[in-house]
């Protein structure tokens, strides 16, 4: 069986990796990790040890912030 790899644009993805989220919103990956370390972070989804960012929730969070 051949492995199929899909190239989905970031703006169509529901969840983003740390690197994708950093490229998408212009915030550094270290800062994103720091912001999402809280257990109650509204825009992070944990898949085991993998941290994924809910794109729409991250957009809403950043739109409401004055500084990070």
Foldseek 3Di string as FASTA:
>chain_A
DDDDDDDDDLVPDQKAFLVSVCVVPVNHSVVVCVQPVDPVRPFWDDDPPGIIGGVVVVVVVVVPDPDD
